């Protein structure tokens, strides 16, 4: 996400940082490039105009001109303005456990409402909530079936009526049935249209008045850029939603919708869809996102992903083994599987400081290679996994045949494993680490 914008900003600010002293012309030239980059990222024209004016006011002043690192000061100002643009405060979804909470998802057809009902349920049930999905899309063929399939994956109930053509009756049934199924959160999937119309809005207003939702989330496809922003504004005028879920952010290299939506509607982006899996829904943090755009990384999100994916007890156990230099292939396989839970490796690398869109351009981690590594380790005996030094020539031949790979690949993995062990041994050696800086 934001790849093209990050790449442009990286080039602009690298040039700016190259000047020991900045002149007003240097700054204006750079801001002209920033303006062009934002417009090409499909950010609203008026928002870009205001953004550049605000940055210019601060950049062409003593704050920058008298600074020892003027280029870095300009980047700092742009970073702060990006945060202001997307909303300085993080939106906290508060849903008490001791009552029935209701969330309503709205948006145009094809924006991803049904899928995001399941994604939202998956995310919120970690907060001791017991969600159920309510099928209020009575028009789209297979909408109810899709919701049922998704709910089955999560093992949560769906309240639906395949024959009922009155949305309000389905909603009333859901409000009554929530008590019987011990649910304290109902997530309502609503019908979309290919365009905004009065019938759609009237139905949604009636549903809103009936269920009195705690939150209404507008679901928008980030790929549609300014169209998503304009549609969001119209929906907000009619229904006044709480915030936005931006889908397909992993496929949107521009990011115009994410940068414009708060300024246009006054409502924040709350969640972003970062993939097709049910677990691929992230909270939107303006400060972290501004950091990603400017190539500063997003270590906090990376840590949160790790905490959610890694078993705490196993991690502590692994730390003790590393301290004693007892790392084995069994441990290596366990760590590899844990990392895979965190999502595509290229996405994780994008959160590391200094690794911008340009460095990751065209990068696609070959999943086959990971499968080959797993196959090689699974082809080892338990004794070989614990003591790799046992693996002689004949054993390597057997492992290669058993894994469907080659002796060369087995040899390469064994060599990489030994190098990793040496590196980990050094990291646990205070003499080696003294005065050394980690790369991140």
Protein backbone atom coordinates (compact mmCIF):
# COMPACT_ATOMS: atom_id res chain seq x y z
CA UNK A 1 0.00 0.00 0.00
CA UNK A 2 1.12 3.57 -0.79
CA UNK A 3 4.02 2.10 -2.81
CA UNK A 4 4.02 4.66 -5.62
CA UNK A 5 3.55 7.61 -3.22
CA UNK A 6 6.31 6.34 -0.90
CA UNK A 7 8.65 5.96 -3.85
CA UNK A 8 7.98 9.51 -5.03
CA UNK A 9 8.42 10.98 -1.55
CA UNK A 10 11.65 9.03 -1.06
CA UNK A 11 13.15 10.58 -4.21
CA UNK A 12 11.93 14.11 -3.33
CA UNK A 13 13.26 14.10 0.22
CA UNK A 14 16.55 12.37 -0.64
CA UNK A 15 17.28 15.29 -2.95
CA UNK A 16 16.19 17.80 -0.30
CA UNK A 17 18.38 16.22 2.41
CA UNK A 18 21.35 16.52 0.05
CA UNK A 19 21.40 20.31 0.54
CA UNK A 20 23.41 21.49 3.55
CA UNK A 21 21.42 24.70 3.57
CA UNK A 22 17.94 25.21 2.15
CA UNK A 23 16.65 28.24 0.29
CA UNK A 24 13.03 29.20 -0.22
CA UNK A 25 13.39 28.07 -3.84
CA UNK A 26 14.66 24.60 -2.79
CA UNK A 27 11.64 24.16 -0.54
CA UNK A 28 9.11 25.46 -3.08
CA UNK A 29 10.53 23.18 -5.78
CA UNK A 30 10.25 20.17 -3.45
CA UNK A 31 6.71 21.07 -2.39
CA UNK A 32 5.73 21.38 -6.05
CA UNK A 33 6.89 17.76 -6.45
CA UNK A 34 5.01 16.73 -3.29
CA UNK A 35 1.87 18.37 -4.68
CA UNK A 36 2.22 16.49 -7.97
CA UNK A 37 2.83 13.20 -6.13
CA UNK A 38 -0.31 13.63 -3.99
CA UNK A 39 -2.46 14.50 -7.01
CA UNK A 40 -1.13 11.45 -8.88
CA UNK A 41 -1.98 9.38 -5.81
CA UNK A 42 -5.59 10.50 -6.41
CA UNK A 43 -5.83 12.73 -3.34
CA UNK A 44 -8.63 15.32 -3.47
CA UNK A 45 -7.44 18.56 -5.18
CA UNK A 46 -8.66 20.92 -2.41
CA UNK A 47 -7.05 18.75 0.25
CA UNK A 48 -3.73 18.82 -1.62
CA UNK A 49 -3.93 22.61 -1.91
CA UNK A 50 -4.54 23.04 1.84
CA UNK A 51 -1.87 20.46 2.69
CA UNK A 52 0.83 22.23 0.66
CA UNK A 53 -0.15 25.63 2.09
CA UNK A 54 0.19 24.34 5.67
CA UNK A 55 3.54 22.65 4.99
CA UNK A 56 4.81 25.72 3.15
CA UNK A 57 3.93 28.06 6.06
CA UNK A 58 6.00 26.00 8.47
CA UNK A 59 8.79 24.99 6.10
CA UNK A 60 9.62 28.52 4.92
CA UNK A 61 10.29 29.78 8.43
CA UNK A 62 12.91 29.82 11.12
CA UNK A 63 11.93 26.28 12.21
CA UNK A 64 13.62 24.95 9.05
CA UNK A 65 15.91 27.72 7.81
CA UNK A 66 17.89 27.91 11.06
CA UNK A 67 17.96 24.16 11.62
CA UNK A 68 21.23 22.20 11.45
CA UNK A 69 19.37 19.50 9.46
CA UNK A 70 16.87 21.48 7.37
CA UNK A 71 15.99 18.60 5.02
CA UNK A 72 15.03 16.37 7.93
CA UNK A 73 12.96 19.18 9.43
CA UNK A 74 10.89 19.43 6.23
CA UNK A 75 10.28 15.66 6.33
CA UNK A 76 9.20 16.01 9.99
CA UNK A 77 6.71 18.75 9.02
CA UNK A 78 5.29 16.66 6.15
CA UNK A 79 4.99 13.69 8.53
CA UNK A 80 3.02 15.76 11.05
CA UNK A 81 0.75 17.19 8.34
CA UNK A 82 0.03 13.69 7.00
CA UNK A 83 -1.03 12.63 10.51
CA UNK A 84 -3.32 15.68 10.77
CA UNK A 85 -4.78 14.86 7.36
CA UNK A 86 -5.69 11.28 8.31
CA UNK A 87 -6.80 12.17 11.85
CA UNK A 88 -4.50 12.61 14.82
CA UNK A 89 -6.55 10.52 17.23
CA UNK A 90 -6.93 6.74 16.91
CA UNK A 91 -10.60 5.69 16.88
CA UNK A 92 -11.35 3.22 19.68
CA UNK A 93 -14.29 0.83 19.18
CA UNK A 94 -15.85 0.39 22.62
CA UNK A 95 -18.31 -2.50 23.02
CA UNK A 96 -19.23 -3.53 26.60
CA UNK A 97 -19.58 -7.27 27.29
CA UNK A 98 -22.64 -6.89 29.54
CA UNK A 99 -25.14 -5.78 26.87
CA UNK A 100 -26.16 -6.41 23.26
CA UNK A 101 -23.98 -4.37 20.90
CA UNK A 102 -24.91 -3.70 17.28
CA UNK A 103 -22.77 -2.78 14.28
CA UNK A 104 -24.17 -2.02 10.83
CA UNK A 105 -22.09 -2.22 7.65
CA UNK A 106 -23.13 -0.09 4.68
CA UNK A 107 -21.73 0.64 1.22
CA UNK A 108 -22.10 0.02 -2.48
CA UNK A 109 -22.35 -3.44 -4.03
CA UNK A 110 -18.96 -5.07 -4.47
CA UNK A 111 -17.21 -3.02 -1.78
CA UNK A 112 -16.73 -6.08 0.45
CA UNK A 113 -19.40 -5.66 3.15
CA UNK A 114 -20.19 -9.37 3.55
CA UNK A 115 -16.55 -10.44 3.82
CA UNK A 116 -15.84 -7.63 6.26
CA UNK A 117 -18.72 -8.71 8.50
CA UNK A 118 -16.74 -11.92 9.09
CA UNK A 119 -13.39 -10.11 9.35
CA UNK A 120 -14.85 -7.73 11.93
CA UNK A 121 -16.39 -10.60 13.91
CA UNK A 122 -13.03 -12.40 13.93
CA UNK A 123 -11.20 -9.30 15.16
CA UNK A 124 -13.72 -8.21 17.81
CA UNK A 125 -14.34 -11.60 19.39
CA UNK A 126 -10.79 -11.45 20.72
CA UNK A 127 -12.14 -8.77 23.10
CA UNK A 128 -14.34 -11.36 24.89
CA UNK A 129 -17.29 -10.56 22.63
CA UNK A 130 -19.62 -13.25 21.25
CA UNK A 131 -20.58 -12.11 17.74
CA UNK A 132 -23.36 -13.28 15.43
CA UNK A 133 -23.87 -12.18 11.81
CA UNK A 134 -27.23 -10.93 10.57
CA UNK A 135 -28.06 -11.41 6.88
CA UNK A 136 -29.93 -8.28 5.79
CA UNK A 137 -28.86 -8.36 2.15
CA UNK A 138 -32.01 -9.83 0.59
CA UNK A 139 -31.28 -8.77 -3.00
CA UNK A 140 -27.87 -10.10 -4.03
CA UNK A 141 -27.99 -13.76 -5.07
CA UNK A 142 -26.01 -16.02 -2.71
CA UNK A 143 -25.33 -13.17 -0.23
CA UNK A 144 -26.84 -15.17 2.64
CA UNK A 145 -24.99 -18.32 1.59
CA UNK A 146 -21.69 -16.39 1.47
CA UNK A 147 -22.28 -15.09 4.99
CA UNK A 148 -23.07 -18.61 6.22
CA UNK A 149 -19.88 -20.04 4.67
CA UNK A 150 -17.76 -17.33 6.29
CA UNK A 151 -19.46 -17.77 9.67
CA UNK A 152 -18.85 -21.53 9.52
CA UNK A 153 -15.11 -20.88 9.17
CA UNK A 154 -15.26 -18.84 12.38
CA UNK A 155 -17.73 -21.17 14.10
CA UNK A 156 -20.14 -18.32 14.87
CA UNK A 157 -23.92 -18.18 14.28
CA UNK A 158 -25.77 -16.49 11.41
CA UNK A 159 -29.29 -15.14 11.81
CA UNK A 160 -31.03 -15.31 8.43
CA UNK A 161 -34.32 -16.01 6.71
CA UNK A 162 -34.02 -17.21 3.10
CA UNK A 163 -37.70 -16.56 2.38
CA UNK A 164 -38.15 -13.20 4.12
CA UNK A 165 -38.10 -10.12 1.87
CA UNK A 166 -38.55 -7.55 4.64
CA UNK A 167 -35.26 -6.36 6.12
CA UNK A 168 -36.85 -4.96 9.27
CA UNK A 169 -38.48 -8.31 10.10
CA UNK A 170 -35.11 -10.05 9.79
CA UNK A 171 -33.57 -7.42 12.09
CA UNK A 172 -36.35 -7.84 14.69
CA UNK A 173 -35.82 -11.60 14.62
CA UNK A 174 -32.10 -11.06 15.20
CA UNK A 175 -32.65 -8.76 18.19
CA UNK A 176 -34.87 -11.41 19.84
CA UNK A 177 -32.71 -14.39 18.90
CA UNK A 178 -29.46 -12.85 20.22
CA UNK A 179 -30.51 -13.77 23.77
CA UNK A 180 -31.13 -17.44 22.86
CA UNK A 181 -27.74 -17.86 21.16
CA UNK A 182 -25.88 -15.97 23.92
CA UNK A 183 -24.56 -13.31 21.53
CA UNK A 184 -23.60 -9.85 22.79
CA UNK A 185 -22.63 -8.45 19.38
CA UNK A 186 -24.75 -8.43 16.21
CA UNK A 187 -23.08 -7.42 12.95
CA UNK A 188 -25.63 -6.51 10.27
CA UNK A 189 -24.73 -7.15 6.62
CA UNK A 190 -26.83 -4.79 4.48
CA UNK A 191 -27.67 -4.63 0.79
CA UNK A 192 -25.60 -2.54 -1.57
CA UNK A 193 -26.38 -1.09 -4.97
CA UNK A 194 -24.29 -0.37 -8.01
CA UNK A 195 -25.02 3.31 -7.37
CA UNK A 196 -26.69 5.41 -4.66
CA UNK A 197 -30.48 5.55 -4.91
CA UNK A 198 -33.37 6.74 -2.75
CA UNK A 199 -34.77 3.23 -2.16
CA UNK A 200 -31.43 2.01 -0.79
CA UNK A 201 -31.06 5.00 1.51
CA UNK A 202 -34.65 4.77 2.80
CA UNK A 203 -34.18 1.07 3.63
CA UNK A 204 -30.91 1.77 5.45
CA UNK A 205 -32.42 4.69 7.40
CA UNK A 206 -35.34 2.51 8.51
CA UNK A 207 -32.97 -0.25 9.61
CA UNK A 208 -30.83 2.27 11.50
CA UNK A 209 -33.89 3.66 13.32
CA UNK A 210 -35.04 0.14 14.24
CA UNK A 211 -31.82 -1.41 15.57
CA UNK A 212 -30.17 1.81 16.86
CA UNK A 213 -26.62 0.60 16.12
CA UNK A 214 -23.67 1.47 18.33
CA UNK A 215 -21.57 1.93 15.20
CA UNK A 216 -22.22 2.25 11.48
CA UNK A 217 -19.17 1.49 9.34
CA UNK A 218 -19.04 2.53 5.69
CA UNK A 219 -17.18 -0.08 3.63
CA UNK A 220 -15.29 1.36 0.66
CA UNK A 221 -13.02 -0.11 -2.00
CA UNK A 222 -9.70 1.76 -1.75
CA UNK A 223 -8.96 0.95 -5.39
CA UNK A 224 -11.72 3.33 -6.54
CA UNK A 225 -9.85 6.34 -5.11
CA UNK A 226 -11.81 9.59 -5.24
CA UNK A 227 -15.01 7.76 -6.23
CA UNK A 228 -14.89 6.02 -2.84
CA UNK A 229 -14.44 9.38 -1.12
CA UNK A 230 -17.33 11.03 -2.97
CA UNK A 231 -19.67 8.10 -2.30
CA UNK A 232 -18.63 8.11 1.37
CA UNK A 233 -19.59 11.77 1.61
CA UNK A 234 -23.06 11.08 0.18
CA UNK A 235 -23.64 8.12 2.51
CA UNK A 236 -22.50 10.18 5.47
CA UNK A 237 -24.86 13.04 4.57
CA UNK A 238 -27.78 10.62 4.63
CA UNK A 239 -26.85 8.20 7.43
CA UNK A 240 -24.02 9.80 9.43
CA UNK A 241 -21.80 6.77 9.86
CA UNK A 242 -19.14 6.33 12.58
CA UNK A 243 -16.15 5.61 10.39
CA UNK A 244 -14.76 3.80 7.36
CA UNK A 245 -13.42 0.34 6.57
CA UNK A 246 -11.16 0.63 3.51
CA UNK A 247 -10.88 -2.68 1.66
CA UNK A 248 -8.17 -3.84 -0.79
CA UNK A 249 -5.53 -1.55 0.72
CA UNK A 250 -2.92 -4.20 -0.06
CA UNK A 251 -3.68 -3.71 -3.77
CA UNK A 252 -3.81 0.11 -3.71
CA UNK A 253 -0.38 1.55 -4.49
CA UNK A 254 -1.73 5.13 -4.58
CA UNK A 255 -3.60 5.56 -1.26
CA UNK A 256 -5.68 8.59 -2.31
CA UNK A 257 -8.84 7.37 -0.55
CA UNK A 258 -7.04 6.78 2.76
CA UNK A 259 -5.52 10.26 2.64
CA UNK A 260 -8.70 12.09 1.60
CA UNK A 261 -11.61 10.44 3.37
CA UNK A 262 -11.21 12.02 6.83
CA UNK A 263 -10.83 15.55 5.45
CA UNK A 264 -13.84 15.17 3.10
CA UNK A 265 -16.32 13.39 5.39
CA UNK A 266 -15.02 14.35 8.82
CA UNK A 267 -15.12 10.63 9.71
CA UNK A 268 -11.97 8.55 10.27
CA UNK A 269 -10.74 5.37 8.64
CA UNK A 270 -11.04 2.78 11.41
CA UNK A 271 -10.00 -0.49 9.77
CA UNK A 272 -8.18 -1.44 6.57
CA UNK A 273 -8.39 -4.70 4.64
CA UNK A 274 -4.91 -6.01 3.84
CA UNK A 275 -5.69 -9.34 2.16
CA UNK A 276 -8.29 -11.97 1.39
CA UNK A 277 -7.99 -14.01 4.60
CA UNK A 278 -10.49 -13.46 7.41
CA UNK A 279 -7.59 -12.38 9.64
CA UNK A 280 -6.51 -9.68 7.16
CA UNK A 281 -8.13 -6.70 8.86
CA UNK A 282 -5.94 -4.13 10.62
CA UNK A 283 -6.76 -1.17 12.81
CA UNK A 284 -5.88 2.08 11.05
CA UNK A 285 -3.33 4.19 12.92
CA UNK A 286 -2.68 7.56 11.21
CA UNK A 287 0.75 8.02 12.84
CA UNK A 288 1.94 4.59 11.78
CA UNK A 289 0.53 5.02 8.28
CA UNK A 290 2.30 8.38 7.89
CA UNK A 291 5.51 6.61 8.89
CA UNK A 292 4.97 3.92 6.25
CA UNK A 293 4.38 6.53 3.55
CA UNK A 294 7.64 8.30 4.40
CA UNK A 295 9.67 5.08 4.61
CA UNK A 296 9.99 5.24 8.41
CA UNK A 297 8.45 1.79 8.76
CA UNK A 298 5.76 0.63 11.16
CA UNK A 299 7.47 -1.37 13.87
CA UNK A 300 4.51 -1.11 16.28
CA UNK A 301 2.18 -2.90 13.84
CA UNK A 302 4.89 -5.47 13.15
CA UNK A 303 5.26 -6.13 16.91
CA UNK A 304 1.48 -6.41 17.31
CA UNK A 305 1.33 -8.94 14.47
CA UNK A 306 4.10 -10.93 16.11
CA UNK A 307 2.38 -10.85 19.51
CA UNK A 308 -0.87 -12.05 17.96
CA UNK A 309 0.82 -14.85 15.99
CA UNK A 310 3.51 -16.12 18.37
CA UNK A 311 2.72 -18.24 21.38
CA UNK A 312 4.16 -16.45 24.44
CA UNK A 313 5.18 -19.63 26.30
CA UNK A 314 6.87 -21.02 23.18
CA UNK A 315 8.70 -17.73 22.61
CA UNK A 316 10.09 -17.74 26.17
CA UNK A 317 11.11 -21.39 25.77
CA UNK A 318 12.85 -20.53 22.49
CA UNK A 319 14.72 -17.61 24.10
CA UNK A 320 16.15 -19.98 26.75
CA UNK A 321 17.24 -22.47 24.07
CA UNK A 322 18.93 -19.71 22.08
CA UNK A 323 20.79 -18.58 25.20
CA UNK A 324 22.19 -22.13 25.53
CA UNK A 325 22.80 -22.42 21.77
CA UNK A 326 20.42 -25.41 21.54
CA UNK A 327 18.51 -24.28 18.44
CA UNK A 328 17.39 -27.31 16.36
CA UNK A 329 15.60 -27.94 13.05
CA UNK A 330 12.42 -28.65 15.06
CA UNK A 331 12.68 -25.12 16.51
CA UNK A 332 13.47 -23.68 13.08
CA UNK A 333 10.34 -25.27 11.58
CA UNK A 334 8.17 -24.00 14.46
CA UNK A 335 9.48 -20.44 13.95
CA UNK A 336 8.94 -20.63 10.19
CA UNK A 337 5.31 -21.67 10.71
CA UNK A 338 4.76 -18.87 13.24
CA UNK A 339 6.13 -16.26 10.83
CA UNK A 340 3.83 -17.53 8.07
CA UNK A 341 0.84 -16.80 10.33
CA UNK A 342 1.81 -13.12 10.31
CA UNK A 343 1.06 -12.81 6.60
CA UNK A 344 3.06 -12.44 3.36
CA UNK A 345 6.74 -11.78 4.04
CA UNK A 346 6.87 -8.87 1.59
CA UNK A 347 4.16 -7.11 3.68
CA UNK A 348 6.17 -7.64 6.87
CA UNK A 349 9.33 -6.29 5.22
CA UNK A 350 7.36 -3.18 4.21
CA UNK A 351 6.90 -2.39 7.92
CA UNK A 352 10.66 -2.31 8.53
CA UNK A 353 12.20 1.19 8.70
CA UNK A 354 14.23 2.12 5.64
CA UNK A 355 12.69 -0.54 3.38
CA UNK A 356 10.47 1.53 1.13
CA UNK A 357 8.28 0.72 -1.84
CA UNK A 358 11.22 0.97 -4.24
CA UNK A 359 13.21 -1.71 -2.44
CA UNK A 360 10.21 -4.02 -2.39
CA UNK A 361 9.07 -3.31 -5.94
CA UNK A 362 8.49 -6.59 -7.75
CA UNK A 363 9.44 -8.58 -4.64
CA UNK A 364 7.40 -11.74 -4.28
CA UNK A 365 8.52 -14.34 -1.80
CA UNK A 366 8.42 -17.75 -3.48
CA UNK A 367 6.03 -19.84 -1.39
CA UNK A 368 7.42 -22.98 -3.14
CA UNK A 369 10.81 -22.43 -1.50
CA UNK A 370 9.19 -22.33 1.93
CA UNK A 371 7.31 -25.55 1.10
CA UNK A 372 10.62 -27.15 -0.01
CA UNK A 373 12.24 -26.22 3.32
CA UNK A 374 9.30 -27.72 5.23
CA UNK A 375 9.43 -30.90 3.09
CA UNK A 376 13.17 -31.30 3.73
CA UNK A 377 12.76 -30.93 7.51
CA UNK A 378 9.77 -33.31 7.56
CA UNK A 379 11.90 -35.88 5.69
CA UNK A 380 14.45 -35.90 8.51
CA UNK A 381 14.18 -38.34 11.41
CA UNK A 382 13.48 -36.83 14.88
CA UNK A 383 17.11 -37.55 15.77
CA UNK A 384 18.41 -35.73 12.67
CA UNK A 385 16.27 -32.66 13.41
CA UNK A 386 17.69 -32.46 16.93
CA UNK A 387 21.29 -33.21 15.87
CA UNK A 388 21.91 -32.07 12.26
CA UNK A 389 25.58 -33.20 12.49
CA UNK A 390 24.27 -36.78 12.12
CA UNK A 391 23.25 -36.02 8.52
CA UNK A 392 25.99 -37.62 6.41
CA UNK A 393 26.08 -38.24 2.63
CA UNK A 394 23.70 -41.23 2.54
CA UNK A 395 21.23 -39.49 4.85
CA UNK A 396 21.28 -36.40 2.62
CA UNK A 397 20.42 -38.57 -0.39
CA UNK A 398 17.52 -40.15 1.53
CA UNK A 399 16.20 -36.74 2.71
CA UNK A 400 16.39 -35.32 -0.84
CA UNK A 401 14.39 -38.27 -2.24
CA UNK A 402 11.86 -38.15 0.61
CA UNK A 403 11.25 -34.42 0.19
CA UNK A 404 11.11 -34.51 -3.62
CA UNK A 405 13.94 -31.97 -3.81
CA UNK A 406 17.66 -32.27 -4.62
CA UNK A 407 20.83 -32.96 -2.62
CA UNK A 408 21.95 -29.43 -3.49
CA UNK A 409 18.87 -27.96 -1.77
CA UNK A 410 19.41 -30.16 1.30
CA UNK A 411 23.07 -29.06 1.45
CA UNK A 412 22.09 -25.40 1.07
CA UNK A 413 19.56 -25.63 3.93
CA UNK A 414 22.08 -27.34 6.22
CA UNK A 415 24.66 -24.64 5.46
CA UNK A 416 22.14 -21.82 6.06
CA UNK A 417 21.06 -23.46 9.32
CA UNK A 418 24.66 -23.60 10.61
CA UNK A 419 25.22 -19.95 9.65
CA UNK A 420 22.05 -19.00 11.51
CA UNK A 421 23.19 -20.88 14.62
CA UNK A 422 26.53 -19.05 14.57
CA UNK A 423 24.77 -15.70 14.20
CA UNK A 424 22.43 -16.48 17.11
CA UNK A 425 25.40 -17.60 19.22
CA UNK A 426 27.07 -14.23 18.53
CA UNK A 427 23.92 -12.33 19.47
CA UNK A 428 24.01 -14.09 22.83
CA UNK A 429 27.71 -13.25 23.34
CA UNK A 430 28.05 -9.93 25.31
CA UNK A 431 31.64 -9.45 24.10
CA UNK A 432 30.58 -9.72 20.44
CA UNK A 433 27.56 -7.43 20.89
CA UNK A 434 29.41 -4.76 22.88
CA UNK A 435 29.29 -1.49 20.96
CA UNK A 436 27.46 -3.04 18.00
CA UNK A 437 24.23 -1.56 16.60
CA UNK A 438 21.38 -3.69 15.35
CA UNK A 439 20.40 -2.85 11.74
CA UNK A 440 16.97 -1.68 12.86
